Amino acid sequence: MIHVEQKELVKLLMTGHFMNSIVNIEIGGKTVRTLPKDVAFHPVTDRPLHVDFLRMTGDSMVEVQVPVVFVNEDASPGLKKGGVLNIVRHELELLCPNADIPDEIQIDVTGKDVGDAIHISEVTLPKGVKSVITDRDFTIATLVAPSALKSSDGDTTTAE
């Protein structure tokens, strides 16, 4: 059991990357590399009450949830026409070396048009990083027509 300053913990939690960040904890004069695994919050005040840390050793691989960020939206013909990026997965379950956990995975939407889908096979992951889900080529996002462009019978029309 260790005590963590609440103010520092809240500051780290607010970054949005806390669960994917290596946290160095000093125990008995030695620095231990850890990865946060779970945070328990007070049911009324929402203050953090308890954090579980996983001790990192050697070159072990860890399973983490990494947020996705979409880039180059201005280079997407579908988005320029008023299409909407329908995000299916806001985070990817990845297996990463414990020393190289990415803060985010950037997905380029250059050239994507209405009706296109972005699958995990199209995403370039950092070196040594793999998807935990390997049995299928899952969808991360789709580019759909906005409801204003859909006709009453369900067919999609294009905007000029």
C-alpha atoms as a PDB file:
ATOM      1  CA  MET A   1       0.000   0.000   0.000  1.00  0.00           C
ATOM      2  CA  ILE A   2       1.238   3.451  -0.894  1.00  0.00           C
ATOM      3  CA  HIS A   3      -0.177   6.941  -0.504  1.00  0.00           C
ATOM      4  CA  VAL A   4      -0.588   9.061  -3.620  1.00  0.00           C
ATOM      5  CA  GLU A   5      -1.225  12.800  -3.379  1.00  0.00           C
ATOM      6  CA  GLN A   6      -4.811  13.365  -4.516  1.00  0.00           C
ATOM      7  CA  LYS A   7      -3.996  16.663  -6.225  1.00  0.00           C
ATOM      8  CA  GLU A   8      -1.279  15.034  -8.354  1.00  0.00           C
ATOM      9  CA  LEU A   9      -3.474  12.028  -9.104  1.00  0.00           C
ATOM     10  CA  VAL A  10      -6.389  14.204 -10.273  1.00  0.00           C
ATOM     11  CA  LYS A  11      -3.981  16.195 -12.463  1.00  0.00           C
ATOM     12  CA  LEU A  12      -2.769  12.965 -14.106  1.00  0.00           C
ATOM     13  CA  LEU A  13      -6.315  11.651 -14.507  1.00  0.00           C
ATOM     14  CA  MET A  14      -7.340  14.827 -16.339  1.00  0.00           C
ATOM     15  CA  THR A  15      -4.750  14.283 -19.084  1.00  0.00           C
ATOM     16  CA  GLY A  16      -6.901  11.559 -20.640  1.00  0.00           C
ATOM     17  CA  HIS A  17      -3.810   9.354 -21.017  1.00  0.00           C
ATOM     18  CA  PHE A  18      -3.394   8.253 -17.404  1.00  0.00           C
ATOM     19  CA  MET A  19      -4.282   4.597 -17.998  1.00  0.00           C
ATOM     20  CA  ASN A  20      -1.654   4.398 -20.783  1.00  0.00           C
ATOM     21  CA  SER A  21       1.107   6.246 -18.951  1.00  0.00           C
ATOM     22  CA  ILE A  22       4.077   4.790 -17.166  1.00  0.00           C
ATOM     23  CA  VAL A  23       4.042   6.052 -13.578  1.00  0.00           C
ATOM     24  CA  ASN A  24       7.298   5.922 -11.634  1.00  0.00           C
ATOM     25  CA  ILE A  25       6.666   5.202  -7.952  1.00  0.00           C
ATOM     26  CA  GLU A  26       9.381   5.431  -5.333  1.00  0.00           C
ATOM     27  CA  ILE A  27       9.178   2.583  -2.818  1.00  0.00           C
ATOM     28  CA  GLY A  28      11.853   2.152  -0.158  1.00  0.00           C
ATOM     29  CA  GLY A  29      14.313   4.356  -2.040  1.00  0.00           C
ATOM     30  CA  LYS A  30      13.887   2.413  -5.299  1.00  0.00           C
ATOM     31  CA  THR A  31      11.976   3.662  -8.330  1.00  0.00           C
ATOM     32  CA  VAL A  32       9.474   1.170  -9.697  1.00  0.00           C
ATOM     33  CA  ARG A  33       7.914   1.564 -13.157  1.00  0.00           C
ATOM     34  CA  THR A  34       4.171   0.919 -13.080  1.00  0.00           C
ATOM     35  CA  LEU A  35       1.126   1.126 -15.310  1.00  0.00           C
ATOM     36  CA  PRO A  36      -2.242   2.148 -13.832  1.00  0.00           C
ATOM     37  CA  LYS A  37      -4.778  -0.675 -14.250  1.00  0.00           C
ATOM     38  CA  ASP A  38      -7.872   0.562 -12.403  1.00  0.00           C
ATOM     39  CA  VAL A  39      -9.162   3.626 -10.571  1.00  0.00           C
ATOM     40  CA  ALA A  40     -11.991   3.524  -8.034  1.00  0.00           C
ATOM     41  CA  PHE A  41     -13.986   6.734  -7.558  1.00  0.00           C
ATOM     42  CA  HIS A  42     -16.226   7.873  -4.704  1.00  0.00           C
ATOM     43  CA  PRO A  43     -19.849   7.316  -5.815  1.00  0.00           C
ATOM     44  CA  VAL A  44     -21.016  10.794  -4.789  1.00  0.00           C
ATOM     45  CA  THR A  45     -18.041  13.160  -4.986  1.00  0.00           C
ATOM     46  CA  ASP A  46     -16.262  11.410  -7.890  1.00  0.00           C
ATOM     47  CA  ARG A  47     -12.947  11.802  -6.031  1.00  0.00           C
ATOM     48  CA  PRO A  48     -10.415   9.051  -6.751  1.00  0.00           C
ATOM     49  CA  LEU A  49     -10.297   6.667  -3.784  1.00  0.00           C
ATOM     50  CA  HIS A  50      -8.008   3.877  -4.925  1.00  0.00           C
ATOM     51  CA  VAL A  51      -5.660   3.103  -7.815  1.00  0.00           C
ATOM     52  CA  ASP A  52      -4.305  -0.304  -8.806  1.00  0.00           C
ATOM     53  CA  PHE A  53      -0.872  -0.271 -10.436  1.00  0.00           C
ATOM     54  CA  LEU A  54       0.780  -3.045 -12.430  1.00  0.00           C
ATOM     55  CA  ARG A  55       4.546  -3.335 -11.850  1.00  0.00           C
ATOM     56  CA  MET A  56       6.516  -3.231 -15.124  1.00  0.00           C
ATOM     57  CA  THR A  57       9.575  -5.432 -15.476  1.00  0.00           C
ATOM     58  CA  GLY A  58      12.043  -5.949 -18.287  1.00  0.00           C
ATOM     59  CA  ASP A  59      10.710  -5.895 -21.832  1.00  0.00           C
ATOM     60  CA  SER A  60       7.236  -7.202 -21.015  1.00  0.00           C
ATOM     61  CA  MET A  61       4.256  -6.541 -23.265  1.00  0.00           C
ATOM     62  CA  VAL A  62       1.151  -4.866 -21.850  1.00  0.00           C
ATOM     63  CA  GLU A  63      -2.428  -4.683 -23.073  1.00  0.00           C
ATOM     64  CA  VAL A  64      -3.729  -1.103 -23.121  1.00  0.00           C
ATOM     65  CA  GLN A  65      -6.608   0.935 -24.542  1.00  0.00           C
ATOM     66  CA  VAL A  66      -5.148   3.674 -26.770  1.00  0.00           C
ATOM     67  CA  PRO A  67      -7.356   6.518 -28.057  1.00  0.00           C
ATOM     68  CA  VAL A  68      -7.637   7.156 -31.805  1.00  0.00           C
ATOM     69  CA  VAL A  69      -7.309  10.611 -33.356  1.00  0.00           C
ATOM     70  CA  PHE A  70      -8.382  11.328 -36.924  1.00  0.00           C
ATOM     71  CA  VAL A  71      -6.142  13.651 -38.962  1.00  0.00           C
ATOM     72  CA  ASN A  72      -6.260  15.406 -42.365  1.00  0.00           C
ATOM     73  CA  GLU A  73     -10.029  15.802 -42.304  1.00  0.00           C
ATOM     74  CA  ASP A  74      -9.700  18.683 -44.807  1.00  0.00           C
ATOM     75  CA  ALA A  75      -8.220  16.208 -47.322  1.00  0.00           C
ATOM     76  CA  SER A  76     -11.281  13.934 -47.239  1.00  0.00           C
ATOM     77  CA  PRO A  77     -13.667  14.449 -50.187  1.00  0.00           C
ATOM     78  CA  GLY A  78     -16.505  12.862 -48.215  1.00  0.00           C
ATOM     79  CA  LEU A  79     -16.104  15.210 -45.251  1.00  0.00           C
ATOM     80  CA  LYS A  80     -15.816  18.218 -47.604  1.00  0.00           C
ATOM     81  CA  LYS A  81     -19.202  17.240 -49.116  1.00  0.00           C
ATOM     82  CA  GLY A  82     -20.746  17.287 -45.657  1.00  0.00           C
ATOM     83  CA  GLY A  83     -20.301  13.631 -44.798  1.00  0.00           C
ATOM     84  CA  VAL A  84     -20.026  12.593 -41.173  1.00  0.00           C
ATOM     85  CA  LEU A  85     -17.253  10.535 -39.617  1.00  0.00           C
ATOM     86  CA  ASN A  86     -19.043   7.807 -37.653  1.00  0.00           C
ATOM     87  CA  ILE A  87     -16.515   6.605 -35.080  1.00  0.00           C
ATOM     88  CA  VAL A  88     -17.133   2.979 -34.155  1.00  0.00           C
ATOM     89  CA  ARG A  89     -14.111   2.610 -31.859  1.00  0.00           C
ATOM     90  CA  HIS A  90     -12.762   5.580 -29.924  1.00  0.00           C
ATOM     91  CA  GLU A  91      -9.992   3.411 -28.476  1.00  0.00           C
ATOM     92  CA  LEU A  92      -8.002   0.459 -29.778  1.00  0.00           C
ATOM     93  CA  GLU A  93      -7.027  -2.534 -27.656  1.00  0.00           C
ATOM     94  CA  LEU A  94      -3.305  -2.859 -28.294  1.00  0.00           C
ATOM     95  CA  LEU A  95      -0.459  -5.049 -27.109  1.00  0.00           C
ATOM     96  CA  CYS A  96       2.599  -2.827 -26.639  1.00  0.00           C
ATOM     97  CA  PRO A  97       6.125  -3.073 -25.267  1.00  0.00           C
ATOM     98  CA  ASN A  98       5.931  -1.522 -21.792  1.00  0.00           C
ATOM     99  CA  ALA A  99       8.560   1.075 -22.682  1.00  0.00           C
ATOM    100  CA  ASP A 100       6.765   2.241 -25.851  1.00  0.00           C
ATOM    101  CA  ILE A 101       3.081   2.764 -25.105  1.00  0.00           C
ATOM    102  CA  PRO A 102       1.675   5.287 -27.596  1.00  0.00           C
ATOM    103  CA  ASP A 103      -0.389   8.204 -26.252  1.00  0.00           C
ATOM    104  CA  GLU A 104      -2.689   7.975 -29.274  1.00  0.00           C
ATOM    105  CA  ILE A 105      -3.018   6.353 -32.673  1.00  0.00           C
ATOM    106  CA  GLN A 106      -3.435   8.808 -35.544  1.00  0.00           C
ATOM    107  CA  ILE A 107      -5.627   7.703 -38.428  1.00  0.00           C
ATOM    108  CA  ASP A 108      -5.365   9.585 -41.718  1.00  0.00           C
ATOM    109  CA  VAL A 109      -8.679  10.175 -43.529  1.00  0.00           C
ATOM    110  CA  THR A 110      -7.069  11.612 -46.669  1.00  0.00           C
ATOM    111  CA  GLY A 111      -9.029  10.539 -49.754  1.00  0.00           C
ATOM    112  CA  LYS A 112     -11.895   8.949 -47.809  1.00  0.00           C
ATOM    113  CA  ASP A 113     -15.328   9.466 -49.358  1.00  0.00           C
ATOM    114  CA  VAL A 114     -18.910   8.833 -48.250  1.00  0.00           C
ATOM    115  CA  GLY A 115     -19.424   5.077 -47.958  1.00  0.00           C
ATOM    116  CA  ASP A 116     -15.793   4.311 -47.108  1.00  0.00           C
ATOM    117  CA  ALA A 117     -14.821   2.464 -43.940  1.00  0.00           C
ATOM    118  CA  ILE A 118     -11.542   2.473 -42.027  1.00  0.00           C
ATOM    119  CA  HIS A 119     -10.448  -0.958 -40.798  1.00  0.00           C
ATOM    120  CA  ILE A 120      -7.603  -1.926 -38.465  1.00  0.00           C
ATOM    121  CA  SER A 121      -5.661  -3.388 -41.421  1.00  0.00           C
ATOM    122  CA  GLU A 122      -5.341   0.147 -42.885  1.00  0.00           C
ATOM    123  CA  VAL A 123      -3.824   1.612 -39.710  1.00  0.00           C
ATOM    124  CA  THR A 124      -0.065   1.858 -39.366  1.00  0.00           C
ATOM    125  CA  LEU A 125       0.758   0.927 -35.788  1.00  0.00           C
ATOM    126  CA  PRO A 126       4.070   1.887 -34.150  1.00  0.00           C
ATOM    127  CA  LYS A 127       6.911  -0.657 -34.213  1.00  0.00           C
ATOM    128  CA  GLY A 128       6.297  -3.577 -31.862  1.00  0.00           C
ATOM    129  CA  VAL A 129       2.635  -2.658 -31.312  1.00  0.00           C
ATOM    130  CA  LYS A 130      -0.080  -5.150 -32.300  1.00  0.00           C
ATOM    131  CA  SER A 131      -3.842  -5.242 -32.121  1.00  0.00           C
ATOM    132  CA  VAL A 132      -5.201  -7.526 -29.411  1.00  0.00           C
ATOM    133  CA  ILE A 133      -8.071  -8.469 -31.747  1.00  0.00           C
ATOM    134  CA  THR A 134      -6.508 -10.627 -34.455  1.00  0.00           C
ATOM    135  CA  ASP A 135      -9.378 -12.821 -35.628  1.00  0.00           C
ATOM    136  CA  ARG A 136     -11.037 -10.166 -37.826  1.00  0.00           C
ATOM    137  CA  ASP A 137     -10.396  -6.926 -39.696  1.00  0.00           C
ATOM    138  CA  PHE A 138     -12.638  -4.779 -37.490  1.00  0.00           C
ATOM    139  CA  THR A 139     -14.046  -1.381 -38.419  1.00  0.00           C
ATOM    140  CA  ILE A 140     -12.761   1.705 -36.599  1.00  0.00           C
ATOM    141  CA  ALA A 141     -14.853   4.339 -38.409  1.00  0.00           C
ATOM    142  CA  THR A 142     -17.116   4.857 -41.399  1.00  0.00           C
ATOM    143  CA  LEU A 143     -17.852   7.907 -43.485  1.00  0.00           C
ATOM    144  CA  VAL A 144     -21.604   8.317 -43.878  1.00  0.00           C
ATOM    145  CA  ALA A 145     -23.873  10.814 -45.580  1.00  0.00           C
ATOM    146  CA  PRO A 146     -25.545  13.282 -43.238  1.00  0.00           C
ATOM    147  CA  SER A 147     -29.270  12.692 -42.678  1.00  0.00           C
ATOM    148  CA  ALA A 148     -30.075  15.817 -44.722  1.00  0.00           C
ATOM    149  CA  LEU A 149     -28.648  14.114 -47.811  1.00  0.00           C
ATOM    150  CA  LYS A 150     -30.646  10.889 -47.417  1.00  0.00           C
ATOM    151  CA  SER A 151     -33.851  10.495 -49.380  1.00  0.00           C
ATOM    152  CA  SER A 152     -37.027   9.096 -47.859  1.00  0.00           C
ATOM    153  CA  ASP A 153     -36.566   5.629 -49.378  1.00  0.00           C
ATOM    154  CA  GLY A 154     -33.151   5.197 -47.742  1.00  0.00           C
ATOM    155  CA  ASP A 155     -31.020   5.821 -50.828  1.00  0.00           C
ATOM    156  CA  THR A 156     -28.155   8.222 -50.408  1.00  0.00           C
ATOM    157  CA  THR A 157     -27.813  11.198 -52.726  1.00  0.00           C
ATOM    158  CA  THR A 158     -24.710  13.260 -53.265  1.00  0.00           C
ATOM    159  CA  ALA A 159     -24.382  16.971 -52.638  1.00  0.00           C
ATOM    160  CA  GLU A 160     -22.926  19.180 -55.348  1.00  0.00           C
END
